[in-house]
Amino acid sequence: ATDSFFTRQFAMEYAVLFDQMIPWFTSEGWAF
């Protein structure tokens, strides 16, 4: 993530999707 502006933005996106959105969808029984 420390390599560039794009890698830090990319890292934020991945953290939101895989550490927040998908676990939330899982807990609700939603497809993703």
Full PDB file with SEQRES, HELIX, SHEET, SSBOND, CRYST1, ORIGX, SCALE, CONECT and MASTER records, all heavy atoms in Angstrom:
SEQRES   1 A   32  ALA THR ASP SER PHE PHE THR ARG GLN PHE ALA MET GLU          
SEQRES   2 A   32  TYR ALA VAL LEU PHE ASP GLN MET ILE PRO TRP PHE THR          
SEQRES   3 A   32  SER GLU GLY TRP ALA PHE                                      
HELIX    1 AA1 PHE A    5  VAL A   16  1                                  12    
HELIX    2 AA2 LEU A   17  MET A   21  3                                   5    
HELIX    3 AA3 ILE A   22  GLU A   28  1                                   7    
CRYST1    1.000    1.000    1.000  90.00  90.00  90.00 P 1           1          
ORIGX1      1.000000  0.000000  0.000000        0.00000                         
ORIGX2      0.000000  1.000000  0.000000        0.00000                         
ORIGX3      0.000000  0.000000  1.000000        0.00000                         
SCALE1      1.000000  0.000000  0.000000        0.00000                         
SCALE2      0.000000  1.000000  0.000000        0.00000                         
SCALE3      0.000000  0.000000  1.000000        0.00000                         
ATOM      1  N   ALA A   1       0.813  -1.222   0.000  1.00  0.00           N  
ATOM      2  CA  ALA A   1       0.000   0.000   0.000  1.00  0.00           C  
ATOM      3  C   ALA A   1       0.843   1.266   0.000  1.00  0.00           C  
ATOM      4  O   ALA A   1       0.386   2.330  -0.434  1.00  0.00           O  
ATOM      5  CB  ALA A   1      -0.942   0.000   1.201  1.00  0.00           C  
ATOM      6  N   THR A   2       2.061   1.189   0.477  1.00  0.00           N  
ATOM      7  CA  THR A   2       2.877   2.406   0.588  1.00  0.00           C  
ATOM      8  C   THR A   2       3.523   2.811  -0.732  1.00  0.00           C  
ATOM      9  O   THR A   2       4.207   3.832  -0.793  1.00  0.00           O  
ATOM     10  CB  THR A   2       3.982   2.195   1.638  1.00  0.00           C  
ATOM     11  OG1 THR A   2       4.780   1.055   1.255  1.00  0.00           O  
ATOM     12  CG2 THR A   2       3.382   1.936   3.011  1.00  0.00           C  
ATOM     13  N   ASP A   3       3.307   2.039  -1.796  1.00  0.00           N  
ATOM     14  CA  ASP A   3       4.029   2.310  -3.046  1.00  0.00           C  
ATOM     15  C   ASP A   3       3.573   3.573  -3.756  1.00  0.00           C  
ATOM     16  O   ASP A   3       4.380   4.276  -4.356  1.00  0.00           O  
ATOM     17  CB  ASP A   3       3.880   1.113  -3.997  1.00  0.00           C  
ATOM     18  CG  ASP A   3       4.857  -0.002  -3.669  1.00  0.00           C  
ATOM     19  OD1 ASP A   3       5.698   0.194  -2.778  1.00  0.00           O  
ATOM     20  OD2 ASP A   3       4.769  -1.076  -4.292  1.00  0.00           O  
ATOM     21  N   SER A   4       2.267   3.856  -3.768  1.00  0.00           N  
ATOM     22  CA  SER A   4       1.776   4.996  -4.542  1.00  0.00           C  
ATOM     23  C   SER A   4       0.366   5.371  -4.081  1.00  0.00           C  
ATOM     24  O   SER A   4      -0.249   4.683  -3.266  1.00  0.00           O  
ATOM     25  CB  SER A   4       1.750   4.662  -6.042  1.00  0.00           C  
ATOM     26  OG  SER A   4       0.759   3.683  -6.321  1.00  0.00           O  
ATOM     27  N   PHE A   5      -0.130   6.469  -4.635  1.00  0.00           N  
ATOM     28  CA  PHE A   5      -1.498   6.899  -4.360  1.00  0.00           C  
ATOM     29  C   PHE A   5      -2.494   5.824  -4.765  1.00  0.00           C  
ATOM     30  O   PHE A   5      -3.452   5.529  -4.048  1.00  0.00           O  
ATOM     31  CB  PHE A   5      -1.775   8.201  -5.116  1.00  0.00           C  
ATOM     32  CG  PHE A   5      -3.215   8.638  -5.105  1.00  0.00           C  
ATOM     33  CD1 PHE A   5      -3.766   9.237  -3.978  1.00  0.00           C  
ATOM     34  CD2 PHE A   5      -4.020   8.447  -6.218  1.00  0.00           C  
ATOM     35  CE1 PHE A   5      -5.102   9.636  -3.974  1.00  0.00           C  
ATOM     36  CE2 PHE A   5      -5.351   8.849  -6.219  1.00  0.00           C  
ATOM     37  CZ  PHE A   5      -5.887   9.449  -5.088  1.00  0.00           C  
ATOM     38  N   PHE A   6      -2.257   5.191  -5.915  1.00  0.00           N  
ATOM     39  CA  PHE A   6      -3.188   4.168  -6.399  1.00  0.00           C  
ATOM     40  C   PHE A   6      -3.166   2.919  -5.523  1.00  0.00           C  
ATOM     41  O   PHE A   6      -4.208   2.305  -5.294  1.00  0.00           O  
ATOM     42  CB  PHE A   6      -2.872   3.816  -7.854  1.00  0.00           C  
ATOM     43  CG  PHE A   6      -3.300   4.860  -8.832  1.00  0.00           C  
ATOM     44  CD1 PHE A   6      -2.377   5.723  -9.392  1.00  0.00           C  
ATOM     45  CD2 PHE A   6      -4.630   5.009  -9.179  1.00  0.00           C  
ATOM     46  CE1 PHE A   6      -2.780   6.700 -10.291  1.00  0.00           C  
ATOM     47  CE2 PHE A   6      -5.044   5.974 -10.070  1.00  0.00           C  
ATOM     48  CZ  PHE A   6      -4.109   6.832 -10.631  1.00  0.00           C  
ATOM     49  N   THR A   7      -2.010   2.548  -5.026  1.00  0.00           N  
ATOM     50  CA  THR A   7      -1.971   1.353  -4.177  1.00  0.00           C  
ATOM     51  C   THR A   7      -2.672   1.599  -2.846  1.00  0.00           C  
ATOM     52  O   THR A   7      -3.310   0.688  -2.305  1.00  0.00           O  
ATOM     53  CB  THR A   7      -0.518   0.907  -3.922  1.00  0.00           C  
ATOM     54  OG1 THR A   7       0.215   1.971  -3.314  1.00  0.00           O  
ATOM     55  CG2 THR A   7       0.159   0.487  -5.220  1.00  0.00           C  
ATOM     56  N   ARG A   8      -2.590   2.815  -2.330  1.00  0.00           N  
ATOM     57  CA  ARG A   8      -3.281   3.103  -1.061  1.00  0.00           C  
ATOM     58  C   ARG A   8      -4.798   3.146  -1.274  1.00  0.00           C  
ATOM     59  O   ARG A   8      -5.557   2.643  -0.445  1.00  0.00           O  
ATOM     60  CB  ARG A   8      -2.778   4.418  -0.460  1.00  0.00           C  
ATOM     61  CG  ARG A   8      -1.363   4.328   0.100  1.00  0.00           C  
ATOM     62  CD  ARG A   8      -0.986   5.564   0.893  1.00  0.00           C  
ATOM     63  NE  ARG A   8      -0.925   6.768   0.057  1.00  0.00           N  
ATOM     64  CZ  ARG A   8       0.133   7.140  -0.646  1.00  0.00           C  
ATOM     65  NH1 ARG A   8       1.225   6.399  -0.631  1.00  0.00           N  
ATOM     66  NH2 ARG A   8       0.121   8.252  -1.360  1.00  0.00           N  
ATOM     67  N   GLN A   9      -5.248   3.732  -2.370  1.00  0.00           N  
ATOM     68  CA  GLN A   9      -6.671   3.724  -2.674  1.00  0.00           C  
ATOM     69  C   GLN A   9      -7.159   2.294  -2.898  1.00  0.00           C  
ATOM     70  O   GLN A   9      -8.235   1.894  -2.435  1.00  0.00           O  
ATOM     71  CB  GLN A   9      -6.947   4.571  -3.917  1.00  0.00           C  
ATOM     72  CG  GLN A   9      -6.709   6.059  -3.737  1.00  0.00           C  
ATOM     73  CD  GLN A   9      -7.761   6.708  -2.845  1.00  0.00           C  
ATOM     74  OE1 GLN A   9      -8.876   6.221  -2.702  1.00  0.00           O  
ATOM     75  NE2 GLN A   9      -7.396   7.833  -2.221  1.00  0.00           N  
ATOM     76  N   PHE A  10      -6.362   1.512  -3.614  1.00  0.00           N  
ATOM     77  CA  PHE A  10      -6.682   0.111  -3.871  1.00  0.00           C  
ATOM     78  C   PHE A  10      -6.787  -0.652  -2.552  1.00  0.00           C  
ATOM     79  O   PHE A  10      -7.702  -1.465  -2.347  1.00  0.00           O  
ATOM     80  CB  PHE A  10      -5.571  -0.488  -4.743  1.00  0.00           C  
ATOM     81  CG  PHE A  10      -5.980  -1.685  -5.545  1.00  0.00           C  
ATOM     82  CD1 PHE A  10      -6.135  -1.590  -6.914  1.00  0.00           C  
ATOM     83  CD2 PHE A  10      -6.183  -2.902  -4.957  1.00  0.00           C  
ATOM     84  CE1 PHE A  10      -6.491  -2.688  -7.679  1.00  0.00           C  
ATOM     85  CE2 PHE A  10      -6.541  -4.015  -5.700  1.00  0.00           C  
ATOM     86  CZ  PHE A  10      -6.705  -3.903  -7.060  1.00  0.00           C  
ATOM     87  N   ALA A  11      -5.843  -0.409  -1.657  1.00  0.00           N  
ATOM     88  CA  ALA A  11      -5.848  -1.094  -0.366  1.00  0.00           C  
ATOM     89  C   ALA A  11      -7.090  -0.742   0.447  1.00  0.00           C  
ATOM     90  O   ALA A  11      -7.682  -1.602   1.121  1.00  0.00           O  
ATOM     91  CB  ALA A  11      -4.584  -0.736   0.417  1.00  0.00           C  
ATOM     92  N   MET A  12      -7.507   0.534   0.400  1.00  0.00           N  
ATOM     93  CA  MET A  12      -8.734   0.929   1.094  1.00  0.00           C  
ATOM     94  C   MET A  12      -9.947   0.213   0.512  1.00  0.00           C  
ATOM     95  O   MET A  12     -10.804  -0.288   1.251  1.00  0.00           O  
ATOM     96  CB  MET A  12      -8.935   2.448   0.996  1.00  0.00           C  
ATOM     97  CG  MET A  12      -8.280   3.245   2.100  1.00  0.00           C  
ATOM     98  SD  MET A  12      -9.010   4.906   2.280  1.00  0.00           S  
ATOM     99  CE  MET A  12      -8.626   5.637   0.711  1.00  0.00           C  
ATOM    100  N   GLU A  13     -10.033   0.170  -0.811  1.00  0.00           N  
ATOM    101  CA  GLU A  13     -11.155  -0.512  -1.463  1.00  0.00           C  
ATOM    102  C   GLU A  13     -11.233  -1.971  -1.035  1.00  0.00           C  
ATOM    103  O   GLU A  13     -12.307  -2.489  -0.710  1.00  0.00           O  
ATOM    104  CB  GLU A  13     -10.980  -0.439  -2.980  1.00  0.00           C  
ATOM    105  CG  GLU A  13     -11.354   0.877  -3.606  1.00  0.00           C  
ATOM    106  CD  GLU A  13     -11.243   0.798  -5.117  1.00  0.00           C  
ATOM    107  OE1 GLU A  13     -10.189   0.380  -5.618  1.00  0.00           O  
ATOM    108  OE2 GLU A  13     -12.217   1.155  -5.800  1.00  0.00           O  
ATOM    109  N   TYR A  14     -10.111  -2.659  -1.073  1.00  0.00           N  
ATOM    110  CA  TYR A  14     -10.091  -4.065  -0.700  1.00  0.00           C  
ATOM    111  C   TYR A  14     -10.479  -4.258   0.759  1.00  0.00           C  
ATOM    112  O   TYR A  14     -11.204  -5.196   1.105  1.00  0.00           O  
ATOM    113  CB  TYR A  14      -8.692  -4.650  -0.952  1.00  0.00           C  
ATOM    114  CG  TYR A  14      -8.563  -5.385  -2.260  1.00  0.00           C  
ATOM    115  CD1 TYR A  14      -9.275  -4.966  -3.390  1.00  0.00           C  
ATOM    116  CD2 TYR A  14      -7.737  -6.488  -2.390  1.00  0.00           C  
ATOM    117  CE1 TYR A  14      -9.159  -5.638  -4.596  1.00  0.00           C  
ATOM    118  CE2 TYR A  14      -7.617  -7.172  -3.599  1.00  0.00           C  
ATOM    119  CZ  TYR A  14      -8.325  -6.743  -4.691  1.00  0.00           C  
ATOM    120  OH  TYR A  14      -8.221  -7.421  -5.874  1.00  0.00           O  
ATOM    121  N   ALA A  15      -9.991  -3.383   1.633  1.00  0.00           N  
ATOM    122  CA  ALA A  15     -10.321  -3.509   3.056  1.00  0.00           C  
ATOM    123  C   ALA A  15     -11.817  -3.326   3.279  1.00  0.00           C  
ATOM    124  O   ALA A  15     -12.432  -4.045   4.079  1.00  0.00           O  
ATOM    125  CB  ALA A  15      -9.522  -2.484   3.867  1.00  0.00           C  
ATOM    126  N   VAL A  16     -12.419  -2.370   2.569  1.00  0.00           N  
ATOM    127  CA  VAL A  16     -13.869  -2.154   2.695  1.00  0.00           C  
ATOM    128  C   VAL A  16     -14.635  -3.361   2.186  1.00  0.00           C  
ATOM    129  O   VAL A  16     -15.563  -3.858   2.839  1.00  0.00           O  
ATOM    130  CB  VAL A  16     -14.288  -0.876   1.941  1.00  0.00           C  
ATOM    131  CG1 VAL A  16     -15.809  -0.776   1.868  1.00  0.00           C  
ATOM    132  CG2 VAL A  16     -13.721   0.355   2.619  1.00  0.00           C  
ATOM    133  N   LEU A  17     -14.252  -3.868   1.011  1.00  0.00           N  
ATOM    134  CA  LEU A  17     -14.994  -4.967   0.396  1.00  0.00           C  
ATOM    135  C   LEU A  17     -14.842  -6.265   1.183  1.00  0.00           C  
ATOM    136  O   LEU A  17     -15.840  -6.920   1.531  1.00  0.00           O  
ATOM    137  CB  LEU A  17     -14.525  -5.172  -1.044  1.00  0.00           C  
ATOM    138  CG  LEU A  17     -15.164  -6.342  -1.797  1.00  0.00           C  
ATOM    139  CD1 LEU A  17     -16.670  -6.162  -1.910  1.00  0.00           C  
ATOM    140  CD2 LEU A  17     -14.543  -6.490  -3.187  1.00  0.00           C  
ATOM    141  N   PHE A  18     -13.605  -6.660   1.476  1.00  0.00           N  
ATOM    142  CA  PHE A  18     -13.366  -7.992   2.039  1.00  0.00           C  
ATOM    143  C   PHE A  18     -13.437  -8.043   3.562  1.00  0.00           C  
ATOM    144  O   PHE A  18     -13.700  -9.114   4.120  1.00  0.00           O  
ATOM    145  CB  PHE A  18     -12.013  -8.521   1.564  1.00  0.00           C  
ATOM    146  CG  PHE A  18     -11.979  -8.827   0.095  1.00  0.00           C  
ATOM    147  CD1 PHE A  18     -11.386  -7.944  -0.799  1.00  0.00           C  
ATOM    148  CD2 PHE A  18     -12.561  -9.971  -0.401  1.00  0.00           C  
ATOM    149  CE1 PHE A  18     -11.366  -8.207  -2.155  1.00  0.00           C  
ATOM    150  CE2 PHE A  18     -12.551 -10.253  -1.755  1.00  0.00           C  
ATOM    151  CZ  PHE A  18     -11.956  -9.363  -2.632  1.00  0.00           C  
ATOM    152  N   ASP A  19     -13.224  -6.915   4.226  1.00  0.00           N  
ATOM    153  CA  ASP A  19     -13.276  -6.924   5.688  1.00  0.00           C  
ATOM    154  C   ASP A  19     -14.570  -6.345   6.244  1.00  0.00           C  
ATOM    155  O   ASP A  19     -14.837  -6.484   7.440  1.00  0.00           O  
ATOM    156  CB  ASP A  19     -12.090  -6.139   6.267  1.00  0.00           C  
ATOM    157  CG  ASP A  19     -10.751  -6.765   5.920  1.00  0.00           C  
ATOM    158  OD1 ASP A  19     -10.733  -7.970   5.616  1.00  0.00           O  
ATOM    159  OD2 ASP A  19      -9.735  -6.059   5.915  1.00  0.00           O  
ATOM    160  N   GLN A  20     -15.362  -5.696   5.378  1.00  0.00           N  
ATOM    161  CA  GLN A  20     -16.605  -5.096   5.849  1.00  0.00           C  
ATOM    162  C   GLN A  20     -17.819  -5.571   5.050  1.00  0.00           C  
ATOM    163  O   GLN A  20     -18.749  -6.157   5.611  1.00  0.00           O  
ATOM    164  CB  GLN A  20     -16.499  -3.556   5.794  1.00  0.00           C  
ATOM    165  CG  GLN A  20     -15.484  -2.983   6.775  1.00  0.00           C  
ATOM    166  CD  GLN A  20     -15.383  -1.470   6.690  1.00  0.00           C  
ATOM    167  OE1 GLN A  20     -15.904  -0.828   5.784  1.00  0.00           O  
ATOM    168  NE2 GLN A  20     -14.693  -0.883   7.652  1.00  0.00           N  
ATOM    169  N   MET A  21     -17.806  -5.330   3.730  1.00  0.00           N  
ATOM    170  CA  MET A  21     -18.998  -5.621   2.932  1.00  0.00           C  
ATOM    171  C   MET A  21     -19.313  -7.121   2.890  1.00  0.00           C  
ATOM    172  O   MET A  21     -20.442  -7.540   3.184  1.00  0.00           O  
ATOM    173  CB  MET A  21     -18.815  -5.089   1.505  1.00  0.00           C  
ATOM    174  CG  MET A  21     -18.703  -3.591   1.395  1.00  0.00           C  
ATOM    175  SD  MET A  21     -20.219  -2.710   1.857  1.00  0.00           S  
ATOM    176  CE  MET A  21     -21.295  -3.121   0.497  1.00  0.00           C  
ATOM    177  N   ILE A  22     -18.339  -7.943   2.529  1.00  0.00           N  
ATOM    178  CA  ILE A  22     -18.602  -9.374   2.381  1.00  0.00           C  
ATOM    179  C   ILE A  22     -18.949 -10.023   3.720  1.00  0.00           C  
ATOM    180  O   ILE A  22     -19.898 -10.828   3.783  1.00  0.00           O  
ATOM    181  CB  ILE A  22     -17.416 -10.070   1.684  1.00  0.00           C  
ATOM    182  CG1 ILE A  22     -17.384  -9.646   0.211  1.00  0.00           C  
ATOM    183  CG2 ILE A  22     -17.503 -11.589   1.809  1.00  0.00           C  
ATOM    184  CD1 ILE A  22     -16.273 -10.265  -0.607  1.00  0.00           C  
ATOM    185  N   PRO A  23     -18.250  -9.717   4.836  1.00  0.00           N  
ATOM    186  CA  PRO A  23     -18.706 -10.262   6.127  1.00  0.00           C  
ATOM    187  C   PRO A  23     -20.120  -9.820   6.496  1.00  0.00           C  
ATOM    188  O   PRO A  23     -20.888 -10.610   7.066  1.00  0.00           O  
ATOM    189  CB  PRO A  23     -17.676  -9.709   7.120  1.00  0.00           C  
ATOM    190  CG  PRO A  23     -16.445  -9.521   6.306  1.00  0.00           C  
ATOM    191  CD  PRO A  23     -16.931  -9.061   4.957  1.00  0.00           C  
ATOM    192  N   TRP A  24     -20.473  -8.595   6.168  1.00  0.00           N  
ATOM    193  CA  TRP A  24     -21.835  -8.122   6.448  1.00  0.00           C  
ATOM    194  C   TRP A  24     -22.846  -8.883   5.601  1.00  0.00           C  
ATOM    195  O   TRP A  24     -23.874  -9.355   6.112  1.00  0.00           O  
ATOM    196  CB  TRP A  24     -21.916  -6.622   6.164  1.00  0.00           C  
ATOM    197  CG  TRP A  24     -23.274  -6.012   6.400  1.00  0.00           C  
ATOM    198  CD1 TRP A  24     -24.101  -6.253   7.464  1.00  0.00           C  
ATOM    199  CD2 TRP A  24     -23.948  -5.075   5.558  1.00  0.00           C  
ATOM    200  NE1 TRP A  24     -25.256  -5.515   7.336  1.00  0.00           N  
ATOM    201  CE2 TRP A  24     -25.190  -4.778   6.180  1.00  0.00           C  
ATOM    202  CE3 TRP A  24     -23.620  -4.446   4.365  1.00  0.00           C  
ATOM    203  CZ2 TRP A  24     -26.095  -3.892   5.612  1.00  0.00           C  
ATOM    204  CZ3 TRP A  24     -24.521  -3.553   3.814  1.00  0.00           C  
ATOM    205  CH2 TRP A  24     -25.752  -3.281   4.435  1.00  0.00           C  
ATOM    206  N   PHE A  25     -22.571  -9.038   4.313  1.00  0.00           N  
ATOM    207  CA  PHE A  25     -23.460  -9.805   3.448  1.00  0.00           C  
ATOM    208  C   PHE A  25     -23.592 -11.240   3.946  1.00  0.00           C  
ATOM    209  O   PHE A  25     -24.675 -11.832   3.909  1.00  0.00           O  
ATOM    210  CB  PHE A  25     -22.924  -9.796   2.014  1.00  0.00           C  
ATOM    211  CG  PHE A  25     -23.331  -8.585   1.213  1.00  0.00           C  
ATOM    212  CD1 PHE A  25     -23.316  -7.321   1.775  1.00  0.00           C  
ATOM    213  CD2 PHE A  25     -23.720  -8.695  -0.110  1.00  0.00           C  
ATOM    214  CE1 PHE A  25     -23.670  -6.202   1.049  1.00  0.00           C  
ATOM    215  CE2 PHE A  25     -24.094  -7.587  -0.855  1.00  0.00           C  
ATOM    216  CZ  PHE A  25     -24.070  -6.333  -0.269  1.00  0.00           C  
ATOM    217  N   THR A  26     -22.482 -11.820   4.408  1.00  0.00           N  
ATOM    218  CA  THR A  26     -22.516 -13.189   4.924  1.00  0.00           C  
ATOM    219  C   THR A  26     -23.441 -13.304   6.123  1.00  0.00           C  
ATOM    220  O   THR A  26     -24.262 -14.228   6.222  1.00  0.00           O  
ATOM    221  CB  THR A  26     -21.103 -13.643   5.321  1.00  0.00           C  
ATOM    222  OG1 THR A  26     -20.281 -13.685   4.149  1.00  0.00           O  
ATOM    223  CG2 THR A  26     -21.128 -15.026   5.954  1.00  0.00           C  
ATOM    224  N   SER A  27     -23.328 -12.369   7.038  1.00  0.00           N  
ATOM    225  CA  SER A  27     -24.146 -12.428   8.248  1.00  0.00           C  
ATOM    226  C   SER A  27     -25.631 -12.290   7.954  1.00  0.00           C  
ATOM    227  O   SER A  27     -26.475 -12.797   8.697  1.00  0.00           O  
ATOM    228  CB  SER A  27     -23.704 -11.337   9.229  1.00  0.00           C  
ATOM    229  OG  SER A  27     -23.985 -10.044   8.708  1.00  0.00           O  
ATOM    230  N   GLU A  28     -25.967 -11.609   6.844  1.00  0.00           N  
ATOM    231  CA  GLU A  28     -27.368 -11.422   6.466  1.00  0.00           C  
ATOM    232  C   GLU A  28     -27.881 -12.511   5.527  1.00  0.00           C  
ATOM    233  O   GLU A  28     -29.054 -12.519   5.173  1.00  0.00           O  
ATOM    234  CB  GLU A  28     -27.545 -10.054   5.798  1.00  0.00           C  
ATOM    235  CG  GLU A  28     -27.174  -8.862   6.674  1.00  0.00           C  
ATOM    236  CD  GLU A  28     -28.092  -8.724   7.876  1.00  0.00           C  
ATOM    237  OE1 GLU A  28     -29.242  -9.217   7.816  1.00  0.00           O  
ATOM    238  OE2 GLU A  28     -27.670  -8.126   8.886  1.00  0.00           O  
ATOM    239  N   GLY A  29     -26.988 -13.410   5.080  1.00  0.00           N  
ATOM    240  CA  GLY A  29     -27.400 -14.460   4.157  1.00  0.00           C  
ATOM    241  C   GLY A  29     -27.589 -13.986   2.736  1.00  0.00           C  
ATOM    242  O   GLY A  29     -28.317 -14.614   1.953  1.00  0.00           O  
ATOM    243  N   TRP A  30     -26.928 -12.893   2.354  1.00  0.00           N  
ATOM    244  CA  TRP A  30     -27.054 -12.342   1.005  1.00  0.00           C  
ATOM    245  C   TRP A  30     -25.961 -12.907   0.100  1.00  0.00           C  
ATOM    246  O   TRP A  30     -24.858 -13.225   0.550  1.00  0.00           O  
ATOM    247  CB  TRP A  30     -26.939 -10.818   1.026  1.00  0.00           C  
ATOM    248  CG  TRP A  30     -28.005 -10.139   1.819  1.00  0.00           C  
ATOM    249  CD1 TRP A  30     -29.268 -10.609   2.065  1.00  0.00           C  
ATOM    250  CD2 TRP A  30     -27.914  -8.868   2.474  1.00  0.00           C  
ATOM    251  NE1 TRP A  30     -29.971  -9.709   2.819  1.00  0.00           N  
ATOM    252  CE2 TRP A  30     -29.169  -8.623   3.101  1.00  0.00           C  
ATOM    253  CE3 TRP A  30     -26.917  -7.911   2.604  1.00  0.00           C  
ATOM    254  CZ2 TRP A  30     -29.429  -7.476   3.823  1.00  0.00           C  
ATOM    255  CZ3 TRP A  30     -27.176  -6.760   3.327  1.00  0.00           C  
ATOM    256  CH2 TRP A  30     -28.422  -6.544   3.932  1.00  0.00           C  
ATOM    257  N   ALA A  31     -26.270 -12.993  -1.175  1.00  0.00           N  
ATOM    258  CA  ALA A  31     -25.259 -13.382  -2.163  1.00  0.00           C  
ATOM    259  C   ALA A  31     -24.315 -12.204  -2.404  1.00  0.00           C  
ATOM    260  O   ALA A  31     -24.674 -11.039  -2.190  1.00  0.00           O  
ATOM    261  CB  ALA A  31     -25.932 -13.793  -3.468  1.00  0.00           C  
ATOM    262  N   PHE A  32     -23.102 -12.509  -2.852  1.00  0.00           N  
ATOM    263  CA  PHE A  32     -22.142 -11.447  -3.140  1.00  0.00           C  
ATOM    264  C   PHE A  32     -21.210 -11.896  -4.274  1.00  0.00           C  
ATOM    265  O   PHE A  32     -20.986 -13.095  -4.462  1.00  0.00           O  
ATOM    266  CB  PHE A  32     -21.320 -11.072  -1.896  1.00  0.00           C  
ATOM    267  CG  PHE A  32     -20.595 -12.221  -1.259  1.00  0.00           C  
ATOM    268  CD1 PHE A  32     -19.344 -12.636  -1.719  1.00  0.00           C  
ATOM    269  CD2 PHE A  32     -21.149 -12.895  -0.184  1.00  0.00           C  
ATOM    270  CE1 PHE A  32     -18.677 -13.694  -1.128  1.00  0.00           C  
ATOM    271  CE2 PHE A  32     -20.490 -13.952   0.427  1.00  0.00           C  
ATOM    272  CZ  PHE A  32     -19.243 -14.349  -0.049  1.00  0.00           C  
TER     273      PHE A  32                                                      
MASTER        0    0    0    3    0    0    0    6  272    1    0    3          
END                                                                             
